[in-house]
PDB file of all heavy atoms in Angstrom:
ATOM      1  N   VAL A   1     -10.436 -28.166  43.749  1.00  0.00           N
ATOM      2  CA  VAL A   1      -9.501 -29.150  44.288  1.00  0.00           C
ATOM      3  C   VAL A   1      -9.990 -29.608  45.657  1.00  0.00           C
ATOM      4  O   VAL A   1     -10.330 -28.782  46.518  1.00  0.00           O
ATOM      5  CB  VAL A   1      -8.076 -28.558  44.420  1.00  0.00           C
ATOM      6  CG1 VAL A   1      -7.147 -29.556  45.113  1.00  0.00           C
ATOM      7  CG2 VAL A   1      -7.528 -28.170  43.059  1.00  0.00           C
ATOM      8  N   LEU A   2     -10.030 -30.924  45.856  1.00  0.00           N
ATOM      9  CA  LEU A   2     -10.249 -31.503  47.176  1.00  0.00           C
ATOM     10  C   LEU A   2      -8.872 -31.884  47.712  1.00  0.00           C
ATOM     11  O   LEU A   2      -8.189 -32.733  47.134  1.00  0.00           O
ATOM     12  CB  LEU A   2     -11.149 -32.745  47.100  1.00  0.00           C
ATOM     13  CG  LEU A   2     -12.565 -32.547  46.560  1.00  0.00           C
ATOM     14  CD1 LEU A   2     -13.318 -33.889  46.566  1.00  0.00           C
ATOM     15  CD2 LEU A   2     -13.322 -31.525  47.385  1.00  0.00           C
ATOM     16  N   LEU A   3      -8.462 -31.270  48.801  1.00  0.00           N
ATOM     17  CA  LEU A   3      -7.082 -31.402  49.284  1.00  0.00           C
ATOM     18  C   LEU A   3      -7.024 -32.013  50.668  1.00  0.00           C
ATOM     19  O   LEU A   3      -7.624 -31.494  51.621  1.00  0.00           O
ATOM     20  CB  LEU A   3      -6.414 -30.016  49.315  1.00  0.00           C
ATOM     21  CG  LEU A   3      -5.049 -29.914  49.974  1.00  0.00           C
ATOM     22  CD1 LEU A   3      -4.015 -30.719  49.199  1.00  0.00           C
ATOM     23  CD2 LEU A   3      -4.608 -28.457  50.083  1.00  0.00           C
ATOM     24  N   ASP A   4      -6.291 -33.104  50.796  1.00  0.00           N
ATOM     25  CA  ASP A   4      -6.013 -33.705  52.103  1.00  0.00           C
ATOM     26  C   ASP A   4      -4.769 -33.048  52.683  1.00  0.00           C
ATOM     27  O   ASP A   4      -3.788 -32.813  51.968  1.00  0.00           O
ATOM     28  CB  ASP A   4      -5.803 -35.213  51.946  1.00  0.00           C
ATOM     29  CG  ASP A   4      -5.482 -35.896  53.273  1.00  0.00           C
ATOM     30  OD1 ASP A   4      -5.967 -35.416  54.327  1.00  0.00           O
ATOM     31  OD2 ASP A   4      -4.737 -36.890  53.270  1.00  0.00           O
ATOM     32  N   LEU A   5      -4.800 -32.733  53.974  1.00  0.00           N
ATOM     33  CA  LEU A   5      -3.644 -32.085  54.605  1.00  0.00           C
ATOM     34  C   LEU A   5      -2.564 -33.085  55.009  1.00  0.00           C
ATOM     35  O   LEU A   5      -1.392 -32.732  55.107  1.00  0.00           O
ATOM     36  CB  LEU A   5      -4.089 -31.310  55.848  1.00  0.00           C
ATOM     37  CG  LEU A   5      -5.009 -30.112  55.617  1.00  0.00           C
ATOM     38  CD1 LEU A   5      -5.387 -29.488  56.966  1.00  0.00           C
ATOM     39  CD2 LEU A   5      -4.351 -29.071  54.724  1.00  0.00           C
ATOM     40  N   GLY A   6      -2.939 -34.337  55.251  1.00  0.00           N
ATOM     41  CA  GLY A   6      -1.992 -35.308  55.807  1.00  0.00           C
ATOM     42  C   GLY A   6      -1.239 -36.087  54.770  1.00  0.00           C
ATOM     43  O   GLY A   6      -1.334 -37.322  54.699  1.00  0.00           O
ATOM     44  N   LEU A   7      -0.476 -35.412  53.940  1.00  0.00           N
ATOM     45  CA  LEU A   7       0.292 -36.080  52.892  1.00  0.00           C
ATOM     46  C   LEU A   7       1.694 -36.407  53.413  1.00  0.00           C
ATOM     47  O   LEU A   7       2.369 -35.529  53.968  1.00  0.00           O
ATOM     48  CB  LEU A   7       0.403 -35.184  51.660  1.00  0.00           C
ATOM     49  CG  LEU A   7      -0.929 -34.782  51.010  1.00  0.00           C
ATOM     50  CD1 LEU A   7      -0.685 -33.714  49.952  1.00  0.00           C
ATOM     51  CD2 LEU A   7      -1.615 -35.990  50.398  1.00  0.00           C
ATOM     52  N   PRO A   8       2.162 -37.630  53.275  1.00  0.00           N
ATOM     53  CA  PRO A   8       3.488 -38.006  53.785  1.00  0.00           C
ATOM     54  C   PRO A   8       4.592 -37.143  53.178  1.00  0.00           C
ATOM     55  O   PRO A   8       4.697 -37.021  51.966  1.00  0.00           O
ATOM     56  CB  PRO A   8       3.625 -39.469  53.338  1.00  0.00           C
ATOM     57  CG  PRO A   8       2.220 -39.952  53.148  1.00  0.00           C
ATOM     58  CD  PRO A   8       1.461 -38.758  52.648  1.00  0.00           C
ATOM     59  N   GLY A   9       5.376 -36.534  54.042  1.00  0.00           N
ATOM     60  CA  GLY A   9       6.512 -35.749  53.577  1.00  0.00           C
ATOM     61  C   GLY A   9       6.160 -34.415  52.968  1.00  0.00           C
ATOM     62  O   GLY A   9       7.039 -33.720  52.441  1.00  0.00           O
ATOM     63  N   GLU A  10       4.875 -34.021  53.010  1.00  0.00           N
ATOM     64  CA  GLU A  10       4.454 -32.743  52.430  1.00  0.00           C
ATOM     65  C   GLU A  10       3.541 -32.016  53.402  1.00  0.00           C
ATOM     66  O   GLU A  10       2.838 -32.638  54.210  1.00  0.00           O
ATOM     67  CB  GLU A  10       3.717 -32.962  51.106  1.00  0.00           C
ATOM     68  CG  GLU A  10       4.561 -33.576  50.020  1.00  0.00           C
ATOM     69  CD  GLU A  10       3.808 -33.659  48.707  1.00  0.00           C
ATOM     70  OE1 GLU A  10       3.868 -32.696  47.920  1.00  0.00           O
ATOM     71  OE2 GLU A  10       3.153 -34.692  48.466  1.00  0.00           O
ATOM     72  N   ASP A  11       3.554 -30.713  53.345  1.00  0.00           N
ATOM     73  CA  ASP A  11       2.699 -29.882  54.186  1.00  0.00           C
ATOM     74  C   ASP A  11       1.488 -29.438  53.362  1.00  0.00           C
ATOM     75  O   ASP A  11       1.615 -28.665  52.417  1.00  0.00           O
ATOM     76  CB  ASP A  11       3.485 -28.658  54.675  1.00  0.00           C
ATOM     77  CG  ASP A  11       2.714 -27.858  55.722  1.00  0.00           C
ATOM     78  OD1 ASP A  11       1.465 -27.889  55.704  1.00  0.00           O
ATOM     79  OD2 ASP A  11       3.355 -27.189  56.552  1.00  0.00           O
ATOM     80  N   GLY A  12       0.303 -29.952  53.732  1.00  0.00           N
ATOM     81  CA  GLY A  12      -0.901 -29.622  52.997  1.00  0.00           C
ATOM     82  C   GLY A  12      -1.206 -28.139  53.002  1.00  0.00           C
ATOM     83  O   GLY A  12      -1.747 -27.604  52.018  1.00  0.00           O
ATOM     84  N   PHE A  13      -0.852 -27.452  54.095  1.00  0.00           N
ATOM     85  CA  PHE A  13      -1.084 -26.016  54.155  1.00  0.00           C
ATOM     86  C   PHE A  13      -0.230 -25.271  53.123  1.00  0.00           C
ATOM     87  O   PHE A  13      -0.661 -24.272  52.538  1.00  0.00           O
ATOM     88  CB  PHE A  13      -0.794 -25.478  55.552  1.00  0.00           C
ATOM     89  CG  PHE A  13      -1.833 -25.865  56.578  1.00  0.00           C
ATOM     90  CD1 PHE A  13      -1.445 -26.395  57.805  1.00  0.00           C
ATOM     91  CD2 PHE A  13      -3.185 -25.686  56.326  1.00  0.00           C
ATOM     92  CE1 PHE A  13      -2.404 -26.742  58.747  1.00  0.00           C
ATOM     93  CE2 PHE A  13      -4.147 -26.025  57.264  1.00  0.00           C
ATOM     94  CZ  PHE A  13      -3.752 -26.562  58.485  1.00  0.00           C
ATOM     95  N   VAL A  14       0.991 -25.751  52.905  1.00  0.00           N
ATOM     96  CA  VAL A  14       1.865 -25.128  51.905  1.00  0.00           C
ATOM     97  C   VAL A  14       1.261 -25.298  50.516  1.00  0.00           C
ATOM     98  O   VAL A  14       1.247 -24.367  49.703  1.00  0.00           O
ATOM     99  CB  VAL A  14       3.276 -25.738  51.962  1.00  0.00           C
ATOM    100  CG1 VAL A  14       4.121 -25.254  50.780  1.00  0.00           C
ATOM    101  CG2 VAL A  14       3.955 -25.368  53.271  1.00  0.00           C
ATOM    102  N   ILE A  15       0.731 -26.482  50.240  1.00  0.00           N
ATOM    103  CA  ILE A  15       0.099 -26.733  48.943  1.00  0.00           C
ATOM    104  C   ILE A  15      -1.110 -25.818  48.772  1.00  0.00           C
ATOM    105  O   ILE A  15      -1.314 -25.238  47.690  1.00  0.00           O
ATOM    106  CB  ILE A  15      -0.315 -28.220  48.832  1.00  0.00           C
ATOM    107  CG1 ILE A  15       0.925 -29.106  48.868  1.00  0.00           C
ATOM    108  CG2 ILE A  15      -1.122 -28.456  47.555  1.00  0.00           C
ATOM    109  CD1 ILE A  15       0.616 -30.587  48.928  1.00  0.00           C
ATOM    110  N   ALA A  16      -1.907 -25.686  49.830  1.00  0.00           N
ATOM    111  CA  ALA A  16      -3.088 -24.808  49.762  1.00  0.00           C
ATOM    112  C   ALA A  16      -2.674 -23.373  49.473  1.00  0.00           C
ATOM    113  O   ALA A  16      -3.299 -22.668  48.672  1.00  0.00           O
ATOM    114  CB  ALA A  16      -3.872 -24.890  51.071  1.00  0.00           C
ATOM    115  N   ARG A  17      -1.594 -22.921  50.128  1.00  0.00           N
ATOM    116  CA  ARG A  17      -1.120 -21.553  49.916  1.00  0.00           C
ATOM    117  C   ARG A  17      -0.629 -21.365  48.475  1.00  0.00           C
ATOM    118  O   ARG A  17      -0.875 -20.319  47.856  1.00  0.00           O
ATOM    119  CB  ARG A  17      -0.007 -21.230  50.910  1.00  0.00           C
ATOM    120  CG  ARG A  17       0.414 -19.763  50.903  1.00  0.00           C
ATOM    121  CD  ARG A  17       1.431 -19.463  51.971  1.00  0.00           C
ATOM    122  NE  ARG A  17       0.866 -19.545  53.315  1.00  0.00           N
ATOM    123  CZ  ARG A  17       1.120 -20.505  54.190  1.00  0.00           C
ATOM    124  NH1 ARG A  17       1.945 -21.495  53.864  1.00  0.00           N
ATOM    125  NH2 ARG A  17       0.573 -20.497  55.380  1.00  0.00           N
ATOM    126  N   GLN A  18       0.057 -22.361  47.936  1.00  0.00           N
ATOM    127  CA  GLN A  18       0.524 -22.268  46.548  1.00  0.00           C
ATOM    128  C   GLN A  18      -0.647 -22.174  45.569  1.00  0.00           C
ATOM    129  O   GLN A  18      -0.597 -21.422  44.593  1.00  0.00           O
ATOM    130  CB  GLN A  18       1.387 -23.491  46.221  1.00  0.00           C
ATOM    131  CG  GLN A  18       2.730 -23.497  46.920  1.00  0.00           C
ATOM    132  CD  GLN A  18       3.504 -24.780  46.684  1.00  0.00           C
ATOM    133  OE1 GLN A  18       2.919 -25.811  46.331  1.00  0.00           O
ATOM    134  NE2 GLN A  18       4.799 -24.739  46.893  1.00  0.00           N
ATOM    135  N   LEU A  19      -1.709 -22.939  45.853  1.00  0.00           N
ATOM    136  CA  LEU A  19      -2.889 -22.872  44.987  1.00  0.00           C
ATOM    137  C   LEU A  19      -3.473 -21.465  44.999  1.00  0.00           C
ATOM    138  O   LEU A  19      -3.830 -20.914  43.948  1.00  0.00           O
ATOM    139  CB  LEU A  19      -3.939 -23.880  45.468  1.00  0.00           C
ATOM    140  CG  LEU A  19      -3.713 -25.347  45.130  1.00  0.00           C
ATOM    141  CD1 LEU A  19      -4.793 -26.207  45.784  1.00  0.00           C
ATOM    142  CD2 LEU A  19      -3.714 -25.557  43.627  1.00  0.00           C
ATOM    143  N   ARG A  20      -3.592 -20.895  46.189  1.00  0.00           N
ATOM    144  CA  ARG A  20      -4.212 -19.577  46.294  1.00  0.00           C
ATOM    145  C   ARG A  20      -3.347 -18.490  45.666  1.00  0.00           C
ATOM    146  O   ARG A  20      -3.854 -17.519  45.125  1.00  0.00           O
ATOM    147  CB  ARG A  20      -4.481 -19.254  47.776  1.00  0.00           C
ATOM    148  CG  ARG A  20      -5.794 -19.794  48.270  1.00  0.00           C
ATOM    149  CD  ARG A  20      -6.934 -19.096  47.557  1.00  0.00           C
ATOM    150  NE  ARG A  20      -8.205 -19.781  47.761  1.00  0.00           N
ATOM    151  CZ  ARG A  20      -8.837 -20.447  46.824  1.00  0.00           C
ATOM    152  NH1 ARG A  20      -8.326 -20.567  45.632  1.00  0.00           N
ATOM    153  NH2 ARG A  20     -10.001 -21.003  47.079  1.00  0.00           N
ATOM    154  N   GLU A  21      -2.035 -18.641  45.738  1.00  0.00           N
ATOM    155  CA  GLU A  21      -1.143 -17.602  45.226  1.00  0.00           C
ATOM    156  C   GLU A  21      -0.991 -17.637  43.712  1.00  0.00           C
ATOM    157  O   GLU A  21      -0.755 -16.605  43.086  1.00  0.00           O
ATOM    158  CB  GLU A  21       0.240 -17.741  45.886  1.00  0.00           C
ATOM    159  CG  GLU A  21       0.246 -17.357  47.363  1.00  0.00           C
ATOM    160  CD  GLU A  21       1.605 -17.558  48.000  1.00  0.00           C
ATOM    161  OE1 GLU A  21       2.500 -18.128  47.314  1.00  0.00           O
ATOM    162  OE2 GLU A  21       1.795 -17.170  49.171  1.00  0.00           O
ATOM    163  N   HIS A  22      -1.138 -18.826  43.104  1.00  0.00           N
ATOM    164  CA  HIS A  22      -0.785 -18.961  41.692  1.00  0.00           C
ATOM    165  C   HIS A  22      -1.933 -19.402  40.780  1.00  0.00           C
ATOM    166  O   HIS A  22      -1.805 -19.319  39.560  1.00  0.00           O
ATOM    167  CB  HIS A  22       0.367 -19.952  41.535  1.00  0.00           C
ATOM    168  CG  HIS A  22       1.603 -19.572  42.295  1.00  0.00           C
ATOM    169  ND1 HIS A  22       2.379 -18.478  41.959  1.00  0.00           N
ATOM    170  CD2 HIS A  22       2.178 -20.118  43.402  1.00  0.00           C
ATOM    171  CE1 HIS A  22       3.395 -18.381  42.808  1.00  0.00           C
ATOM    172  NE2 HIS A  22       3.296 -19.357  43.689  1.00  0.00           N
ATOM    173  N   PHE A  23      -3.048 -19.866  41.351  1.00  0.00           N
ATOM    174  CA  PHE A  23      -4.123 -20.398  40.522  1.00  0.00           C
ATOM    175  C   PHE A  23      -5.477 -19.925  41.028  1.00  0.00           C
ATOM    176  O   PHE A  23      -5.630 -19.561  42.188  1.00  0.00           O
ATOM    177  CB  PHE A  23      -4.097 -21.937  40.506  1.00  0.00           C
ATOM    178  CG  PHE A  23      -2.780 -22.522  40.068  1.00  0.00           C
ATOM    179  CD1 PHE A  23      -1.853 -22.965  41.013  1.00  0.00           C
ATOM    180  CD2 PHE A  23      -2.452 -22.601  38.722  1.00  0.00           C
ATOM    181  CE1 PHE A  23      -0.643 -23.495  40.611  1.00  0.00           C
ATOM    182  CE2 PHE A  23      -1.235 -23.118  38.317  1.00  0.00           C
ATOM    183  CZ  PHE A  23      -0.322 -23.569  39.260  1.00  0.00           C
ATOM    184  N   HIS A  24      -6.461 -19.940  40.115  1.00  0.00           N
ATOM    185  CA  HIS A  24      -7.825 -19.574  40.494  1.00  0.00           C
ATOM    186  C   HIS A  24      -8.691 -20.830  40.396  1.00  0.00           C
ATOM    187  O   HIS A  24      -8.952 -21.339  39.302  1.00  0.00           O
ATOM    188  CB  HIS A  24      -8.372 -18.494  39.562  1.00  0.00           C
ATOM    189  CG  HIS A  24      -9.781 -18.119  39.870  1.00  0.00           C
ATOM    190  ND1 HIS A  24     -10.129 -17.413  41.005  1.00  0.00           N
ATOM    191  CD2 HIS A  24     -10.944 -18.355  39.204  1.00  0.00           C
ATOM    192  CE1 HIS A  24     -11.433 -17.231  41.018  1.00  0.00           C
ATOM    193  NE2 HIS A  24     -11.951 -17.802  39.934  1.00  0.00           N
ATOM    194  N   CYS A  25      -9.128 -21.329  41.531  1.00  0.00           N
ATOM    195  CA  CYS A  25      -9.975 -22.515  41.560  1.00  0.00           C
ATOM    196  C   CYS A  25     -10.635 -22.593  42.930  1.00  0.00           C
ATOM    197  O   CYS A  25     -10.220 -21.936  43.882  1.00  0.00           O
ATOM    198  CB  CYS A  25      -9.164 -23.791  41.302  1.00  0.00           C
ATOM    199  SG  CYS A  25      -7.943 -24.171  42.589  1.00  0.00           S
TER     200      CYS A  25
END
């Protein structure tokens, strides 16, 4: 996954943490 941190209304760090906690990629 290529992830941008600056998503309107969303925290990119939270998305990154969810990826690490629930998926392998």
